[in-house]
Amino acid sequence: MRISGFTLPLCARCLSLIAGLIFAALLNIHLPVFGFMLLVPVVIDGGLHYAGIFSSSNRRRLATGFPGGIAAWSMTTDISIFLQGV
C-alpha cells in the first residue's frame, strides 16, 4: 500500500485490522455475539482472494479489515474475561 508515494510495510488489510483493533481498544468495545460476525467479511474476502477466485482491491481490504480488527479486540477481551472467571 502506498500513501503519498511512501510504500508502507503492511498490506491494506493488515493496516486496517490494526486500526480497527486500536479503535476498539480505545473505546473498550465488547460485542460478544456480534463481534464474531464482524470477522465473516474478512474471512470471505481473504479466503476467496487466496483461492484465486477473485482479486481483492485495497479499498475492499480496508473496508473488511477495520471491522475485523474490532472483532479481534472484542473476542480477545471476551475470552480474557471468561478465563479470569474460570
Protein backbone atom coordinates (compact mmCIF):
# COMPACT_ATOMS: atom_id res chain seq x y z
CA MET A 1 0.00 0.00 0.00
CA ARG A 2 1.27 3.47 -0.90
CA ILE A 3 0.42 6.73 0.83
CA SER A 4 1.82 9.95 -0.65
CA GLY A 5 4.44 7.98 -2.56
CA PHE A 6 5.65 6.12 0.55
CA THR A 7 5.32 2.32 0.48
CA LEU A 8 4.02 1.00 3.78
CA PRO A 9 5.49 -2.28 5.10
CA LEU A 10 1.95 -3.61 5.71
CA CYS A 11 -0.79 -4.62 3.32
CA ALA A 12 -4.06 -2.68 3.36
CA ARG A 13 -5.93 -5.44 5.20
CA CYS A 14 -3.31 -5.72 7.96
CA LEU A 15 -3.14 -1.96 8.38
CA SER A 16 -6.92 -1.77 8.61
CA LEU A 17 -7.06 -4.67 11.10
CA ILE A 18 -4.56 -2.89 13.33
CA ALA A 19 -6.51 0.40 13.05
CA GLY A 20 -9.75 -1.40 13.99
CA LEU A 21 -8.02 -3.11 16.90
CA ILE A 22 -6.67 0.19 18.24
CA PHE A 23 -10.04 1.91 17.72
CA ALA A 24 -11.87 -0.83 19.63
CA ALA A 25 -9.27 -0.82 22.40
CA LEU A 26 -9.52 2.95 22.87
CA LEU A 27 -13.32 2.78 23.06
CA ASN A 28 -13.25 -0.51 25.02
CA ILE A 29 -15.77 -2.13 22.69
CA HIS A 30 -17.27 -5.50 23.69
CA LEU A 31 -19.54 -7.24 21.19
CA PRO A 32 -19.89 -10.84 22.44
CA VAL A 33 -22.00 -12.38 19.65
CA PHE A 34 -21.94 -9.64 17.03
CA GLY A 35 -18.14 -9.40 17.25
CA PHE A 36 -17.76 -12.86 15.74
CA MET A 37 -19.99 -11.84 12.83
CA LEU A 38 -17.66 -8.92 12.03
CA LEU A 39 -14.96 -11.45 11.11
CA VAL A 40 -17.09 -13.01 8.36
CA PRO A 41 -16.29 -10.36 5.67
CA VAL A 42 -12.54 -10.66 6.35
CA VAL A 43 -12.64 -14.45 6.10
CA ILE A 44 -14.73 -14.41 2.90
CA ASP A 45 -12.65 -11.70 1.22
CA GLY A 46 -9.31 -13.17 2.26
CA GLY A 47 -10.35 -16.73 1.52
CA LEU A 48 -11.69 -16.02 -1.96
CA HIS A 49 -8.63 -13.92 -2.78
CA TYR A 50 -6.29 -16.66 -1.53
CA ALA A 51 -8.19 -19.29 -3.52
CA GLY A 52 -7.74 -17.19 -6.66
CA ILE A 53 -11.47 -16.80 -7.26
CA PHE A 54 -11.14 -13.00 -7.47
CA SER A 55 -8.58 -10.30 -6.81
CA SER A 56 -9.35 -8.13 -3.81
CA SER A 57 -8.75 -4.37 -4.04
CA ASN A 58 -7.12 -2.22 -1.38
CA ARG A 59 -10.44 -0.46 -0.75
CA ARG A 60 -12.16 -3.77 -0.10
CA ARG A 61 -9.30 -4.88 2.15
CA LEU A 62 -9.57 -1.65 4.14
CA ALA A 63 -13.36 -1.98 4.40
CA THR A 64 -13.25 -5.59 5.63
CA GLY A 65 -10.16 -5.25 7.80
CA PHE A 66 -11.40 -2.49 10.10
CA PRO A 67 -14.46 -4.39 11.40
CA GLY A 68 -12.24 -7.46 11.66
CA GLY A 69 -9.93 -5.55 13.99
CA ILE A 70 -12.90 -4.57 16.14
CA ALA A 71 -13.97 -8.22 16.22
CA ALA A 72 -10.46 -9.35 17.16
CA TRP A 73 -10.39 -6.94 20.11
CA SER A 74 -13.88 -7.89 21.22
CA MET A 75 -13.21 -11.62 21.06
CA THR A 76 -9.83 -11.30 22.78
CA THR A 77 -11.25 -9.33 25.69
CA ASP A 78 -14.25 -11.64 26.00
CA ILE A 79 -12.00 -14.71 26.11
CA SER A 80 -9.79 -12.97 28.68
CA ILE A 81 -12.80 -12.13 30.87
CA PHE A 82 -14.05 -15.72 30.57
CA LEU A 83 -10.66 -17.18 31.53
CA GLN A 84 -10.39 -14.90 34.57
CA GLY A 85 -13.68 -16.30 35.83
CA VAL A 86 -12.58 -19.94 35.46
